């Protein structure tokens, strides 16, 4: 299994944070052509944990948020094009689920990835919706 790393955003060194934000920009804003405010303030909330994997650079990332109702939320799951298919995303999902302290973890999955998230125990929890012109499926994992 690939090596994964995690830390609260506030504890990250500036280079790692830059690489995480760069990767998210490369995947979501540039590759998927979605102009949206990726730096939304949630990364700096108390309890937000960044996860990443890579050899010498950040090749995959996600964040784990703690919501006010006790639910946790996984989001900003991204893998660099050159690193896809190597298990980095799966390793990060496994690490984030293991780190979770909540009975419920939510995710808004891009609809074409619903089956992939299903392998981690996520199930559809509502109707599909469009976010930045991309179909998404709300999903929840319950312990």
N, C-alpha and C. Protein backbone atom coordinates (compact mmCIF):
# COMPACT_ATOMS: atom_id res chain seq x y z
N UNK A 1 0.85 -1.18 0.00
CA UNK A 1 0.00 0.00 0.00
C UNK A 1 0.90 1.24 0.00
N UNK A 2 0.54 2.25 -0.78
CA UNK A 2 1.36 3.47 -0.83
C UNK A 2 1.39 4.17 0.53
N UNK A 3 2.46 4.90 0.78
CA UNK A 3 2.58 5.69 2.01
C UNK A 3 1.65 6.89 1.94
N UNK A 4 0.95 7.12 3.04
CA UNK A 4 0.07 8.29 3.13
C UNK A 4 0.51 9.13 4.31
N UNK A 5 0.17 10.40 4.24
CA UNK A 5 0.53 11.34 5.29
C UNK A 5 -0.71 12.14 5.63
N UNK A 6 -0.76 12.65 6.85
CA UNK A 6 -1.89 13.50 7.23
C UNK A 6 -1.44 14.46 8.32
N UNK A 7 -2.13 15.61 8.34
CA UNK A 7 -1.88 16.61 9.37
C UNK A 7 -2.99 17.64 9.32
N UNK A 8 -3.30 18.25 10.47
CA UNK A 8 -4.21 19.39 10.43
C UNK A 8 -3.61 20.46 9.52
N UNK A 9 -4.43 21.15 8.77
CA UNK A 9 -3.94 22.16 7.83
C UNK A 9 -3.00 23.13 8.52
N UNK A 10 -3.36 23.57 9.72
CA UNK A 10 -2.57 24.59 10.43
C UNK A 10 -1.17 24.09 10.80
N UNK A 11 -0.96 22.77 10.76
CA UNK A 11 0.35 22.21 11.10
C UNK A 11 1.22 21.91 9.88
N UNK A 12 0.70 22.14 8.68
CA UNK A 12 1.46 21.83 7.48
C UNK A 12 2.56 22.84 7.23
N UNK A 13 3.66 22.38 6.68
CA UNK A 13 4.68 23.31 6.23
C UNK A 13 4.17 23.96 4.94
N UNK A 14 4.68 25.13 4.64
CA UNK A 14 4.16 25.91 3.52
C UNK A 14 4.34 25.19 2.18
N UNK A 15 5.38 24.42 2.00
CA UNK A 15 5.61 23.72 0.73
C UNK A 15 4.55 22.64 0.52
N UNK A 16 4.25 21.85 1.56
CA UNK A 16 3.24 20.80 1.44
C UNK A 16 1.87 21.41 1.17
N UNK A 17 1.52 22.47 1.91
CA UNK A 17 0.24 23.13 1.66
C UNK A 17 0.17 23.66 0.23
N UNK A 18 1.22 24.27 -0.24
CA UNK A 18 1.26 24.77 -1.62
C UNK A 18 1.03 23.62 -2.61
N UNK A 19 1.69 22.50 -2.40
CA UNK A 19 1.56 21.36 -3.31
C UNK A 19 0.13 20.79 -3.29
N UNK A 20 -0.50 20.73 -2.12
CA UNK A 20 -1.88 20.26 -2.02
C UNK A 20 -2.80 21.19 -2.79
N UNK A 21 -2.68 22.49 -2.57
CA UNK A 21 -3.54 23.46 -3.25
C UNK A 21 -3.26 23.48 -4.75
N UNK A 22 -2.01 23.34 -5.15
CA UNK A 22 -1.66 23.28 -6.57
C UNK A 22 -2.31 22.08 -7.25
N UNK A 23 -2.25 20.92 -6.60
CA UNK A 23 -2.85 19.73 -7.18
C UNK A 23 -4.36 19.90 -7.32
N UNK A 24 -5.01 20.42 -6.31
CA UNK A 24 -6.45 20.65 -6.39
C UNK A 24 -6.77 21.60 -7.54
N UNK A 25 -5.99 22.66 -7.69
CA UNK A 25 -6.20 23.59 -8.80
C UNK A 25 -5.99 22.90 -10.15
N UNK A 26 -4.92 22.10 -10.26
CA UNK A 26 -4.63 21.42 -11.52
C UNK A 26 -5.77 20.49 -11.93
N UNK A 27 -6.33 19.76 -10.95
CA UNK A 27 -7.38 18.78 -11.27
C UNK A 27 -8.73 19.45 -11.46
N UNK A 28 -9.16 20.22 -10.47
CA UNK A 28 -10.54 20.74 -10.50
C UNK A 28 -10.70 21.98 -11.37
N UNK A 29 -9.79 22.91 -11.29
CA UNK A 29 -9.95 24.17 -12.03
C UNK A 29 -9.45 24.03 -13.46
N UNK A 30 -8.26 23.48 -13.66
CA UNK A 30 -7.68 23.41 -14.99
C UNK A 30 -8.20 22.21 -15.77
N UNK A 31 -7.97 20.99 -15.27
CA UNK A 31 -8.36 19.78 -16.00
C UNK A 31 -9.87 19.68 -16.20
N UNK A 32 -10.64 19.91 -15.13
CA UNK A 32 -12.09 19.77 -15.23
C UNK A 32 -12.78 21.07 -15.64
N UNK A 33 -11.99 22.10 -15.86
CA UNK A 33 -12.47 23.38 -16.36
C UNK A 33 -13.62 23.96 -15.52
N UNK A 34 -13.43 23.95 -14.20
CA UNK A 34 -14.42 24.49 -13.27
C UNK A 34 -13.82 25.68 -12.52
N UNK A 35 -14.26 26.85 -12.90
CA UNK A 35 -13.80 28.04 -12.18
C UNK A 35 -14.65 28.19 -10.93
N UNK A 36 -14.07 27.87 -9.78
CA UNK A 36 -14.80 27.94 -8.52
C UNK A 36 -13.80 28.27 -7.42
N UNK A 37 -14.27 28.75 -6.27
CA UNK A 37 -13.35 29.12 -5.18
C UNK A 37 -12.89 27.91 -4.37
N UNK A 38 -11.85 27.24 -4.85
CA UNK A 38 -11.33 26.07 -4.14
C UNK A 38 -10.85 26.45 -2.74
N UNK A 39 -10.18 27.57 -2.62
CA UNK A 39 -9.73 28.03 -1.31
C UNK A 39 -10.92 28.72 -0.66
N UNK A 40 -11.71 27.91 0.05
CA UNK A 40 -13.02 28.33 0.55
C UNK A 40 -13.05 28.64 2.04
N UNK A 41 -11.90 28.61 2.69
CA UNK A 41 -11.84 28.88 4.13
C UNK A 41 -11.99 27.64 4.99
N UNK A 42 -12.51 26.56 4.43
CA UNK A 42 -12.75 25.36 5.23
C UNK A 42 -11.46 24.64 5.60
N UNK A 43 -10.41 24.83 4.82
CA UNK A 43 -9.14 24.18 5.13
C UNK A 43 -8.58 24.66 6.47
N UNK A 44 -8.91 25.89 6.87
CA UNK A 44 -8.38 26.45 8.10
C UNK A 44 -9.29 26.26 9.31
N UNK A 45 -10.43 25.60 9.13
CA UNK A 45 -11.32 25.34 10.27
C UNK A 45 -10.65 24.38 11.25
N UNK A 46 -10.89 24.59 12.54
CA UNK A 46 -10.36 23.64 13.52
C UNK A 46 -10.87 22.23 13.20
N UNK A 47 -9.99 21.27 13.27
CA UNK A 47 -10.41 19.89 13.01
C UNK A 47 -10.22 19.43 11.58
N UNK A 48 -9.97 20.33 10.64
CA UNK A 48 -9.76 19.91 9.26
C UNK A 48 -8.40 19.25 9.15
N UNK A 49 -8.39 18.07 8.53
CA UNK A 49 -7.15 17.31 8.36
C UNK A 49 -6.93 17.09 6.87
N UNK A 50 -5.72 17.39 6.42
CA UNK A 50 -5.31 17.14 5.04
C UNK A 50 -4.62 15.77 4.96
N UNK A 51 -4.91 15.05 3.91
CA UNK A 51 -4.25 13.76 3.63
C UNK A 51 -3.58 13.88 2.28
N UNK A 52 -2.41 13.29 2.13
CA UNK A 52 -1.73 13.32 0.85
C UNK A 52 -0.81 12.12 0.71
N UNK A 53 -0.46 11.84 -0.54
CA UNK A 53 0.43 10.74 -0.87
C UNK A 53 1.28 11.16 -2.06
N UNK A 54 2.45 10.60 -2.14
CA UNK A 54 3.32 10.90 -3.27
C UNK A 54 4.77 10.64 -2.93
N UNK A 55 5.58 10.60 -3.96
CA UNK A 55 7.01 10.39 -3.80
C UNK A 55 7.73 11.67 -4.21
N UNK A 56 8.09 12.48 -3.25
CA UNK A 56 8.79 13.71 -3.54
C UNK A 56 7.88 14.87 -3.92
N UNK A 57 6.61 14.59 -4.16
CA UNK A 57 5.63 15.63 -4.45
C UNK A 57 4.28 15.11 -4.00
N UNK A 58 3.29 15.99 -4.00
CA UNK A 58 1.93 15.58 -3.64
C UNK A 58 1.25 15.09 -4.92
N UNK A 59 1.03 13.77 -5.00
CA UNK A 59 0.42 13.18 -6.19
C UNK A 59 -1.07 12.88 -5.99
N UNK A 60 -1.54 12.89 -4.75
CA UNK A 60 -2.96 12.67 -4.45
C UNK A 60 -3.26 13.35 -3.12
N UNK A 61 -4.50 13.79 -2.97
CA UNK A 61 -4.87 14.51 -1.76
C UNK A 61 -6.37 14.38 -1.49
N UNK A 62 -6.75 14.61 -0.27
CA UNK A 62 -8.15 14.80 0.12
C UNK A 62 -8.14 15.52 1.46
N UNK A 63 -9.31 16.02 1.84
CA UNK A 63 -9.42 16.65 3.16
C UNK A 63 -10.59 16.04 3.91
N UNK A 64 -10.46 16.00 5.23
CA UNK A 64 -11.50 15.51 6.13
C UNK A 64 -11.95 16.70 6.96
N UNK A 65 -13.24 17.03 6.84
CA UNK A 65 -13.83 18.14 7.57
C UNK A 65 -14.72 17.61 8.68
N UNK A 66 -14.80 18.37 9.76
CA UNK A 66 -15.71 18.04 10.84
C UNK A 66 -16.84 19.05 10.82
N UNK A 67 -18.07 18.58 10.57
CA UNK A 67 -19.24 19.45 10.47
C UNK A 67 -19.81 19.74 11.86
N UNK A 68 -20.58 20.80 11.98
CA UNK A 68 -21.13 21.21 13.28
C UNK A 68 -22.11 20.19 13.86
N UNK A 69 -22.73 19.35 13.01
CA UNK A 69 -23.68 18.35 13.51
C UNK A 69 -23.02 17.03 13.91
N UNK A 70 -21.68 16.98 13.88
CA UNK A 70 -20.96 15.77 14.27
C UNK A 70 -20.58 14.88 13.10
N UNK A 71 -21.19 15.11 11.95
CA UNK A 71 -20.83 14.37 10.75
C UNK A 71 -19.44 14.82 10.30
N UNK A 72 -18.72 13.93 9.70
CA UNK A 72 -17.47 14.31 9.06
C UNK A 72 -17.69 14.25 7.55
N UNK A 73 -16.90 14.99 6.81
CA UNK A 73 -17.06 15.07 5.36
C UNK A 73 -15.71 14.94 4.69
N UNK A 74 -15.63 14.03 3.73
CA UNK A 74 -14.44 13.89 2.90
C UNK A 74 -14.69 14.69 1.63
N UNK A 75 -13.70 15.47 1.25
CA UNK A 75 -13.84 16.26 0.04
C UNK A 75 -12.51 16.55 -0.60
N UNK A 76 -12.59 17.21 -1.75
CA UNK A 76 -11.41 17.61 -2.52
C UNK A 76 -10.50 16.42 -2.80
N UNK A 77 -11.11 15.28 -3.14
CA UNK A 77 -10.35 14.07 -3.47
C UNK A 77 -9.79 14.26 -4.87
N UNK A 78 -8.47 14.29 -4.99
CA UNK A 78 -7.83 14.54 -6.29
C UNK A 78 -6.55 13.74 -6.42
N UNK A 79 -6.33 13.22 -7.62
CA UNK A 79 -5.09 12.52 -7.95
C UNK A 79 -4.55 13.11 -9.24
N UNK A 80 -3.27 13.38 -9.27
CA UNK A 80 -2.62 13.91 -10.47
C UNK A 80 -2.77 12.90 -11.61
N UNK A 81 -2.92 13.39 -12.83
CA UNK A 81 -3.13 12.52 -14.00
C UNK A 81 -2.05 11.45 -14.10
N UNK A 82 -0.79 11.81 -13.86
CA UNK A 82 0.31 10.84 -14.00
C UNK A 82 0.31 9.77 -12.90
N UNK A 83 -0.45 9.97 -11.83
CA UNK A 83 -0.44 9.04 -10.70
C UNK A 83 -1.71 8.21 -10.58
N UNK A 84 -2.65 8.38 -11.50
CA UNK A 84 -3.92 7.65 -11.42
C UNK A 84 -3.70 6.16 -11.69
N UNK A 85 -4.53 5.35 -11.03
CA UNK A 85 -4.45 3.90 -11.22
C UNK A 85 -3.39 3.23 -10.37
N UNK A 86 -2.78 3.95 -9.47
CA UNK A 86 -1.71 3.40 -8.63
C UNK A 86 -2.15 3.15 -7.20
N UNK A 87 -3.44 3.38 -6.91
CA UNK A 87 -3.96 3.11 -5.57
C UNK A 87 -3.80 4.24 -4.57
N UNK A 88 -3.34 5.40 -5.00
CA UNK A 88 -3.13 6.50 -4.07
C UNK A 88 -4.45 7.01 -3.49
N UNK A 89 -5.46 7.19 -4.34
CA UNK A 89 -6.76 7.65 -3.86
C UNK A 89 -7.37 6.68 -2.87
N UNK A 90 -7.28 5.39 -3.18
CA UNK A 90 -7.83 4.37 -2.28
C UNK A 90 -7.10 4.36 -0.95
N UNK A 91 -5.78 4.53 -0.99
CA UNK A 91 -5.01 4.57 0.25
C UNK A 91 -5.42 5.77 1.11
N UNK A 92 -5.65 6.92 0.45
CA UNK A 92 -6.06 8.11 1.20
C UNK A 92 -7.47 7.94 1.77
N UNK A 93 -8.38 7.36 0.99
CA UNK A 93 -9.74 7.12 1.51
C UNK A 93 -9.69 6.21 2.73
N UNK A 94 -8.91 5.16 2.65
CA UNK A 94 -8.78 4.22 3.77
C UNK A 94 -8.21 4.93 5.00
N UNK A 95 -7.21 5.78 4.80
CA UNK A 95 -6.60 6.51 5.91
C UNK A 95 -7.59 7.51 6.53
N UNK A 96 -8.34 8.21 5.69
CA UNK A 96 -9.30 9.20 6.21
C UNK A 96 -10.42 8.51 6.98
N UNK A 97 -10.91 7.39 6.48
CA UNK A 97 -11.96 6.65 7.19
C UNK A 97 -11.43 6.17 8.53
N UNK A 98 -10.19 5.70 8.56
CA UNK A 98 -9.59 5.24 9.81
C UNK A 98 -9.42 6.39 10.81
N UNK A 99 -9.15 7.58 10.32
CA UNK A 99 -8.97 8.76 11.16
C UNK A 99 -10.29 9.30 11.69
N UNK A 100 -11.36 9.01 10.99
CA UNK A 100 -12.67 9.56 11.33
C UNK A 100 -13.10 9.12 12.73
N UNK A 101 -13.76 10.06 13.42
CA UNK A 101 -14.27 9.77 14.77
C UNK A 101 -15.79 9.76 14.80
N UNK A 102 -16.42 9.99 13.67
CA UNK A 102 -17.87 10.16 13.60
C UNK A 102 -18.57 8.85 13.20
N UNK A 103 -19.84 8.78 13.55
CA UNK A 103 -20.66 7.64 13.11
C UNK A 103 -21.01 7.76 11.64
N UNK A 104 -20.97 9.01 11.11
CA UNK A 104 -21.34 9.25 9.71
C UNK A 104 -20.27 10.07 9.00
N UNK A 105 -19.90 9.61 7.82
CA UNK A 105 -19.02 10.36 6.95
C UNK A 105 -19.79 10.62 5.66
N UNK A 106 -19.85 11.87 5.26
CA UNK A 106 -20.55 12.26 4.04
C UNK A 106 -19.55 12.60 2.95
N UNK A 107 -20.01 12.46 1.71
CA UNK A 107 -19.20 12.86 0.56
C UNK A 107 -20.15 13.23 -0.57
N UNK A 108 -19.80 14.24 -1.33
CA UNK A 108 -20.52 14.56 -2.56
C UNK A 108 -19.64 14.06 -3.70
N UNK A 109 -19.94 12.86 -4.16
CA UNK A 109 -19.12 12.18 -5.15
C UNK A 109 -19.49 12.62 -6.56
N UNK A 110 -18.48 12.83 -7.40
CA UNK A 110 -18.81 12.98 -8.81
C UNK A 110 -19.51 11.69 -9.21
N UNK A 111 -20.65 11.83 -9.89
CA UNK A 111 -21.56 10.70 -10.12
C UNK A 111 -20.86 9.50 -10.76
N UNK A 112 -19.94 9.73 -11.68
CA UNK A 112 -19.28 8.62 -12.34
C UNK A 112 -18.34 7.84 -11.40
N UNK A 113 -18.11 8.37 -10.19
CA UNK A 113 -17.25 7.69 -9.22
C UNK A 113 -18.04 7.05 -8.08
N UNK A 114 -19.36 7.04 -8.17
CA UNK A 114 -20.18 6.48 -7.11
C UNK A 114 -19.83 5.05 -6.77
N UNK A 115 -19.61 4.24 -7.77
CA UNK A 115 -19.27 2.83 -7.54
C UNK A 115 -17.90 2.71 -6.84
N UNK A 116 -16.98 3.56 -7.23
CA UNK A 116 -15.65 3.55 -6.60
C UNK A 116 -15.78 3.87 -5.12
N UNK A 117 -16.56 4.92 -4.77
CA UNK A 117 -16.75 5.25 -3.35
C UNK A 117 -17.52 4.16 -2.63
N UNK A 118 -18.36 3.43 -3.34
CA UNK A 118 -19.11 2.33 -2.76
C UNK A 118 -18.22 1.25 -2.16
N UNK A 119 -17.05 1.05 -2.74
CA UNK A 119 -16.14 0.03 -2.22
C UNK A 119 -15.63 0.38 -0.81
N UNK A 120 -15.80 1.63 -0.39
CA UNK A 120 -15.40 2.05 0.95
C UNK A 120 -16.59 2.13 1.90
N UNK A 121 -17.74 1.64 1.46
CA UNK A 121 -18.92 1.60 2.31
C UNK A 121 -19.85 2.78 2.16
N UNK A 122 -19.61 3.65 1.19
CA UNK A 122 -20.50 4.80 0.97
C UNK A 122 -21.72 4.36 0.17
N UNK A 123 -22.88 4.88 0.56
CA UNK A 123 -24.14 4.59 -0.13
C UNK A 123 -24.83 5.89 -0.47
N UNK A 124 -25.56 5.86 -1.57
CA UNK A 124 -26.33 7.04 -2.01
C UNK A 124 -27.22 7.50 -0.87
N UNK A 125 -27.29 8.83 -0.67
CA UNK A 125 -28.12 9.37 0.40
C UNK A 125 -29.08 10.45 -0.11
N UNK A 126 -29.21 10.59 -1.41
CA UNK A 126 -30.11 11.60 -1.96
C UNK A 126 -30.05 11.61 -3.47
N UNK A 127 -30.71 12.56 -4.07
CA UNK A 127 -30.77 12.68 -5.52
C UNK A 127 -29.51 13.33 -6.06
N UNK A 128 -29.15 12.94 -7.27
CA UNK A 128 -28.03 13.57 -7.95
C UNK A 128 -28.28 15.07 -8.11
N UNK A 129 -27.22 15.84 -8.18
CA UNK A 129 -27.31 17.28 -8.38
C UNK A 129 -26.12 17.74 -9.20
N UNK A 130 -26.24 18.91 -9.78
CA UNK A 130 -25.13 19.49 -10.53
C UNK A 130 -24.34 20.44 -9.65
N UNK A 131 -23.04 20.30 -9.68
CA UNK A 131 -22.15 21.25 -9.02
C UNK A 131 -21.08 21.60 -10.04
N UNK A 132 -21.00 22.87 -10.39
CA UNK A 132 -20.07 23.32 -11.42
C UNK A 132 -20.23 22.54 -12.72
N UNK A 133 -21.48 22.27 -13.07
CA UNK A 133 -21.86 21.56 -14.30
C UNK A 133 -21.41 20.10 -14.34
N UNK A 134 -21.07 19.54 -13.19
CA UNK A 134 -20.67 18.13 -13.10
C UNK A 134 -21.69 17.41 -12.23
N UNK A 135 -22.29 16.31 -12.72
CA UNK A 135 -23.24 15.55 -11.90
C UNK A 135 -22.56 14.96 -10.65
N UNK A 136 -23.18 15.16 -9.51
CA UNK A 136 -22.69 14.64 -8.23
C UNK A 136 -23.77 13.81 -7.55
N UNK A 137 -23.34 12.87 -6.72
CA UNK A 137 -24.24 12.02 -5.94
C UNK A 137 -23.89 12.19 -4.47
N UNK A 138 -24.85 12.59 -3.64
CA UNK A 138 -24.57 12.63 -2.20
C UNK A 138 -24.50 11.20 -1.66
N UNK A 139 -23.48 10.95 -0.85
CA UNK A 139 -23.28 9.61 -0.31
C UNK A 139 -22.91 9.70 1.16
N UNK A 140 -23.24 8.65 1.91
CA UNK A 140 -22.92 8.59 3.34
C UNK A 140 -22.38 7.21 3.67
N UNK A 141 -21.43 7.19 4.58
CA UNK A 141 -20.91 5.94 5.15
C UNK A 141 -21.23 5.98 6.63
N UNK A 142 -21.94 4.95 7.10
CA UNK A 142 -22.33 4.87 8.51
C UNK A 142 -21.64 3.68 9.14
N UNK A 143 -21.12 3.87 10.36
CA UNK A 143 -20.46 2.76 11.07
C UNK A 143 -21.49 1.79 11.56
